[in-house]
Amino acid sequence: MPGRLERLQSLKAEGKFIRFATNQGGIAFDYLKEHEIQNEFMVMTREIGYPAGWNITHVCFTHPKSRIAKYTDVSNRRKPEPGMLIEAMRHEDVTPDQTIMIGG
């Protein structure tokens, strides 16, 4: 999404807490490796202005039809279920009325 880093930096500068929640079913089908996704989010986290090691990401690697047994799961963390959003809100100790979800 063009302009996403600038917008995220702006939200952070306004004092907003940022969390990412993402399905990464490609891991479950062996298109990507966990470390590749984690590295991508580490880079984006630094570009937004968080210090190295700051974890603002909730990732669901599972998929019900995975080709890899350890990733086969039906999980409430997998969007459109709310599991990762609830985790993010708990992590920041905020309520739904204090939360904005962007994406889908």
N, C-alpha and C. Protein backbone atom coordinates (compact mmCIF):
# COMPACT_ATOMS: atom_id res chain seq x y z
N MET A 1 0.83 -1.17 0.00
CA MET A 1 0.00 0.00 0.00
C MET A 1 0.88 1.24 0.00
N PRO A 2 0.82 2.01 -1.04
CA PRO A 2 1.63 3.23 -1.10
C PRO A 2 1.31 4.16 0.06
N GLY A 3 2.33 4.74 0.65
CA GLY A 3 2.16 5.70 1.73
C GLY A 3 1.94 5.09 3.10
N ARG A 4 1.97 3.76 3.19
CA ARG A 4 1.65 3.12 4.48
C ARG A 4 2.67 3.45 5.56
N LEU A 5 3.94 3.48 5.21
CA LEU A 5 4.95 3.77 6.23
C LEU A 5 4.80 5.18 6.76
N GLU A 6 4.55 6.13 5.86
CA GLU A 6 4.38 7.51 6.28
C GLU A 6 3.17 7.64 7.20
N ARG A 7 2.08 6.96 6.85
CA ARG A 7 0.87 7.04 7.67
C ARG A 7 1.10 6.38 9.03
N LEU A 8 1.78 5.25 9.04
CA LEU A 8 2.08 4.58 10.31
C LEU A 8 2.99 5.44 11.17
N GLN A 9 3.98 6.08 10.56
CA GLN A 9 4.87 6.97 11.31
C GLN A 9 4.08 8.13 11.89
N SER A 10 3.13 8.65 11.13
CA SER A 10 2.29 9.75 11.60
C SER A 10 1.43 9.33 12.78
N LEU A 11 0.83 8.15 12.70
CA LEU A 11 0.01 7.65 13.81
C LEU A 11 0.85 7.45 15.06
N LYS A 12 2.05 6.91 14.88
CA LYS A 12 2.95 6.71 16.03
C LYS A 12 3.33 8.06 16.63
N ALA A 13 3.60 9.05 15.79
CA ALA A 13 3.96 10.38 16.29
C ALA A 13 2.80 11.01 17.06
N GLU A 14 1.57 10.64 16.72
CA GLU A 14 0.38 11.13 17.43
C GLU A 14 0.16 10.40 18.76
N GLY A 15 1.03 9.43 19.03
CA GLY A 15 0.91 8.69 20.28
C GLY A 15 0.02 7.46 20.20
N LYS A 16 -0.34 7.07 18.99
CA LYS A 16 -1.17 5.88 18.81
C LYS A 16 -0.30 4.63 18.92
N PHE A 17 -0.86 3.58 19.53
CA PHE A 17 -0.18 2.29 19.59
C PHE A 17 -0.51 1.53 18.32
N ILE A 18 0.49 0.96 17.71
CA ILE A 18 0.30 0.24 16.45
C ILE A 18 0.60 -1.23 16.67
N ARG A 19 -0.26 -2.06 16.14
CA ARG A 19 -0.08 -3.51 16.14
C ARG A 19 -0.46 -4.03 14.77
N PHE A 20 0.27 -5.02 14.31
CA PHE A 20 -0.08 -5.69 13.05
C PHE A 20 -0.66 -7.06 13.38
N ALA A 21 -1.69 -7.45 12.66
CA ALA A 21 -2.27 -8.79 12.76
C ALA A 21 -2.42 -9.29 11.34
N THR A 22 -1.77 -10.41 11.03
CA THR A 22 -1.77 -10.87 9.65
C THR A 22 -1.83 -12.38 9.54
N ASN A 23 -2.64 -12.84 8.60
CA ASN A 23 -2.62 -14.26 8.22
C ASN A 23 -1.45 -14.45 7.28
N GLN A 24 -0.73 -15.51 7.46
CA GLN A 24 0.36 -15.85 6.55
C GLN A 24 0.26 -17.32 6.20
N GLY A 25 -0.85 -17.70 5.57
CA GLY A 25 -1.09 -19.08 5.18
C GLY A 25 -0.05 -19.61 4.21
N GLY A 26 0.65 -18.73 3.53
CA GLY A 26 1.70 -19.17 2.62
C GLY A 26 2.76 -20.00 3.32
N ILE A 27 2.94 -19.76 4.60
CA ILE A 27 3.86 -20.56 5.40
C ILE A 27 3.35 -22.00 5.45
N ALA A 28 2.05 -22.14 5.66
CA ALA A 28 1.43 -23.47 5.78
C ALA A 28 1.51 -24.27 4.49
N PHE A 29 1.72 -23.56 3.37
CA PHE A 29 1.82 -24.23 2.07
C PHE A 29 3.24 -24.23 1.54
N ASP A 30 4.19 -23.84 2.39
CA ASP A 30 5.62 -23.88 2.10
C ASP A 30 6.03 -22.93 0.97
N TYR A 31 5.29 -21.83 0.81
CA TYR A 31 5.69 -20.80 -0.16
C TYR A 31 6.72 -19.86 0.44
N LEU A 32 6.64 -19.69 1.75
CA LEU A 32 7.54 -18.82 2.49
C LEU A 32 7.93 -19.52 3.78
N LYS A 33 8.94 -19.00 4.44
CA LYS A 33 9.38 -19.50 5.74
C LYS A 33 9.03 -18.47 6.81
N GLU A 34 8.80 -18.93 8.02
CA GLU A 34 8.45 -18.03 9.13
C GLU A 34 9.46 -16.89 9.25
N HIS A 35 10.75 -17.20 9.16
CA HIS A 35 11.76 -16.16 9.36
C HIS A 35 11.68 -15.07 8.29
N GLU A 36 11.21 -15.40 7.09
CA GLU A 36 11.09 -14.39 6.03
C GLU A 36 10.01 -13.37 6.39
N ILE A 37 8.89 -13.84 6.88
CA ILE A 37 7.81 -12.94 7.29
C ILE A 37 8.23 -12.13 8.51
N GLN A 38 8.84 -12.80 9.48
CA GLN A 38 9.27 -12.11 10.69
C GLN A 38 10.29 -11.02 10.36
N ASN A 39 11.20 -11.31 9.43
CA ASN A 39 12.18 -10.31 9.02
C ASN A 39 11.50 -9.11 8.36
N GLU A 40 10.53 -9.37 7.51
CA GLU A 40 9.80 -8.29 6.84
C GLU A 40 9.16 -7.34 7.86
N PHE A 41 8.55 -7.92 8.89
CA PHE A 41 7.92 -7.08 9.91
C PHE A 41 8.96 -6.38 10.78
N MET A 42 10.11 -7.00 11.02
CA MET A 42 11.18 -6.32 11.78
C MET A 42 11.65 -5.08 11.03
N VAL A 43 11.80 -5.22 9.71
CA VAL A 43 12.24 -4.08 8.89
C VAL A 43 11.19 -2.98 8.95
N MET A 44 9.91 -3.33 8.76
CA MET A 44 8.86 -2.33 8.78
C MET A 44 8.75 -1.67 10.16
N THR A 45 8.91 -2.45 11.22
CA THR A 45 8.85 -1.92 12.57
C THR A 45 9.93 -0.86 12.77
N ARG A 46 11.15 -1.15 12.32
CA ARG A 46 12.25 -0.16 12.43
C ARG A 46 11.95 1.07 11.59
N GLU A 47 11.40 0.86 10.38
CA GLU A 47 11.11 2.00 9.51
C GLU A 47 10.04 2.91 10.10
N ILE A 48 9.14 2.36 10.88
CA ILE A 48 8.12 3.17 11.55
C ILE A 48 8.74 3.95 12.70
N GLY A 49 9.83 3.42 13.27
CA GLY A 49 10.51 4.14 14.34
C GLY A 49 10.52 3.43 15.68
N TYR A 50 10.17 2.14 15.69
CA TYR A 50 10.26 1.37 16.92
C TYR A 50 11.67 0.81 17.03
N PRO A 51 12.19 0.65 18.26
CA PRO A 51 13.55 0.12 18.42
C PRO A 51 13.63 -1.35 18.01
N ALA A 52 14.83 -1.78 17.67
CA ALA A 52 15.06 -3.18 17.32
C ALA A 52 14.57 -4.08 18.44
N GLY A 53 13.93 -5.16 18.09
CA GLY A 53 13.43 -6.10 19.08
C GLY A 53 12.02 -5.80 19.56
N TRP A 54 11.47 -4.65 19.20
CA TRP A 54 10.11 -4.27 19.60
C TRP A 54 9.12 -5.08 18.78
N ASN A 55 8.34 -5.90 19.41
CA ASN A 55 7.42 -6.77 18.69
C ASN A 55 6.02 -6.16 18.68
N ILE A 56 5.55 -5.78 17.51
CA ILE A 56 4.21 -5.22 17.37
C ILE A 56 3.36 -6.07 16.42
N THR A 57 3.77 -7.32 16.23
CA THR A 57 3.15 -8.16 15.22
C THR A 57 2.51 -9.41 15.82
N HIS A 58 1.30 -9.68 15.36
CA HIS A 58 0.59 -10.92 15.68
C HIS A 58 0.39 -11.63 14.36
N VAL A 59 0.93 -12.82 14.23
CA VAL A 59 0.90 -13.54 12.96
C VAL A 59 0.28 -14.92 13.15
N CYS A 60 -0.58 -15.29 12.23
CA CYS A 60 -1.15 -16.64 12.23
C CYS A 60 -0.59 -17.38 11.01
N PHE A 61 0.24 -18.37 11.28
CA PHE A 61 0.86 -19.15 10.20
C PHE A 61 0.02 -20.35 9.80
N THR A 62 -1.00 -20.68 10.56
CA THR A 62 -1.75 -21.90 10.31
C THR A 62 -2.80 -21.74 9.20
N HIS A 63 -3.20 -22.86 8.68
CA HIS A 63 -4.28 -22.92 7.69
C HIS A 63 -4.93 -24.29 7.81
N PRO A 64 -6.25 -24.37 7.75
CA PRO A 64 -6.92 -25.67 7.92
C PRO A 64 -6.53 -26.71 6.87
N LYS A 65 -6.06 -26.26 5.69
CA LYS A 65 -5.71 -27.19 4.61
C LYS A 65 -4.21 -27.23 4.35
N SER A 66 -3.43 -26.91 5.36
CA SER A 66 -1.98 -26.87 5.23
C SER A 66 -1.41 -28.19 4.72
N ARG A 67 -0.32 -28.08 3.97
CA ARG A 67 0.43 -29.26 3.54
C ARG A 67 1.44 -29.69 4.57
N ILE A 68 1.67 -28.87 5.59
CA ILE A 68 2.66 -29.14 6.62
C ILE A 68 1.91 -29.35 7.93
N ALA A 69 2.06 -30.52 8.51
CA ALA A 69 1.25 -30.92 9.66
C ALA A 69 1.27 -29.90 10.80
N LYS A 70 2.43 -29.35 11.14
CA LYS A 70 2.50 -28.45 12.29
C LYS A 70 1.73 -27.14 12.08
N TYR A 71 1.38 -26.84 10.84
CA TYR A 71 0.62 -25.62 10.54
C TYR A 71 -0.85 -25.89 10.26
N THR A 72 -1.27 -27.15 10.36
CA THR A 72 -2.67 -27.48 10.11
C THR A 72 -3.48 -27.20 11.37
N ASP A 73 -4.37 -26.23 11.28
CA ASP A 73 -5.17 -25.87 12.44
C ASP A 73 -6.33 -24.99 12.01
N VAL A 74 -7.42 -25.12 12.70
CA VAL A 74 -8.54 -24.19 12.60
C VAL A 74 -8.42 -23.32 13.84
N SER A 75 -8.13 -22.07 13.66
CA SER A 75 -7.79 -21.21 14.79
C SER A 75 -8.64 -19.94 14.78
N ASN A 76 -9.00 -19.47 15.97
CA ASN A 76 -9.71 -18.19 16.05
C ASN A 76 -8.74 -17.02 15.84
N ARG A 77 -7.45 -17.33 15.70
CA ARG A 77 -6.45 -16.29 15.40
C ARG A 77 -6.42 -15.99 13.90
N ARG A 78 -6.98 -16.85 13.10
CA ARG A 78 -6.97 -16.66 11.66
C ARG A 78 -8.13 -15.76 11.24
N LYS A 79 -7.81 -14.63 10.62
CA LYS A 79 -8.86 -13.73 10.17
C LYS A 79 -9.77 -14.47 9.18
N PRO A 80 -11.06 -14.24 9.23
CA PRO A 80 -11.75 -13.09 9.82
C PRO A 80 -12.11 -13.26 11.29
N GLU A 81 -11.70 -14.35 11.93
CA GLU A 81 -11.97 -14.51 13.36
C GLU A 81 -11.19 -13.43 14.13
N PRO A 82 -11.62 -13.09 15.34
CA PRO A 82 -11.04 -11.95 16.05
C PRO A 82 -9.85 -12.23 16.95
N GLY A 83 -9.32 -13.45 16.96
CA GLY A 83 -8.29 -13.82 17.94
C GLY A 83 -7.10 -12.88 18.02
N MET A 84 -6.50 -12.56 16.88
CA MET A 84 -5.31 -11.70 16.92
C MET A 84 -5.66 -10.27 17.31
N LEU A 85 -6.82 -9.80 16.91
CA LEU A 85 -7.24 -8.45 17.31
C LEU A 85 -7.43 -8.39 18.82
N ILE A 86 -8.05 -9.41 19.38
CA ILE A 86 -8.23 -9.47 20.83
C ILE A 86 -6.87 -9.51 21.53
N GLU A 87 -5.94 -10.30 21.01
CA GLU A 87 -4.59 -10.36 21.59
C GLU A 87 -3.93 -8.97 21.58
N ALA A 88 -4.05 -8.28 20.45
CA ALA A 88 -3.44 -6.97 20.32
C ALA A 88 -4.05 -5.98 21.32
N MET A 89 -5.38 -6.02 21.47
CA MET A 89 -6.03 -5.12 22.41
C MET A 89 -5.60 -5.42 23.85
N ARG A 90 -5.49 -6.70 24.18
CA ARG A 90 -5.03 -7.07 25.53
C ARG A 90 -3.61 -6.61 25.77
N HIS A 91 -2.76 -6.76 24.75
CA HIS A 91 -1.36 -6.37 24.88
C HIS A 91 -1.23 -4.89 25.20
N GLU A 92 -2.09 -4.07 24.60
CA GLU A 92 -2.04 -2.62 24.82
C GLU A 92 -3.00 -2.18 25.92
N ASP A 93 -3.77 -3.13 26.47
CA ASP A 93 -4.74 -2.84 27.52
C ASP A 93 -5.74 -1.77 27.07
N VAL A 94 -6.33 -2.01 25.90
CA VAL A 94 -7.34 -1.11 25.36
C VAL A 94 -8.64 -1.87 25.11
N THR A 95 -9.71 -1.13 25.00
CA THR A 95 -11.04 -1.69 24.76
C THR A 95 -11.41 -1.54 23.29
N PRO A 96 -12.44 -2.26 22.85
CA PRO A 96 -12.85 -2.14 21.44
C PRO A 96 -13.15 -0.69 21.02
N ASP A 97 -13.74 0.11 21.89
CA ASP A 97 -14.06 1.49 21.51
C ASP A 97 -12.82 2.36 21.39
N GLN A 98 -11.67 1.86 21.81
CA GLN A 98 -10.40 2.59 21.68
C GLN A 98 -9.55 2.03 20.54
N THR A 99 -10.14 1.15 19.74
CA THR A 99 -9.38 0.39 18.74
C THR A 99 -9.91 0.66 17.35
N ILE A 100 -8.98 0.81 16.42
CA ILE A 100 -9.32 0.91 15.00
C ILE A 100 -8.64 -0.23 14.29
N MET A 101 -9.40 -0.98 13.49
CA MET A 101 -8.82 -2.05 12.68
C MET A 101 -8.86 -1.58 11.23
N ILE A 102 -7.72 -1.68 10.58
CA ILE A 102 -7.62 -1.31 9.17
C ILE A 102 -7.26 -2.55 8.39
N GLY A 103 -7.97 -2.81 7.32
CA GLY A 103 -7.72 -4.00 6.52
C GLY A 103 -8.85 -4.97 6.68
N GLY A 104 -8.56 -6.18 6.31
CA GLY A 104 -9.63 -7.15 6.43
C GLY A 104 -9.15 -8.55 6.18
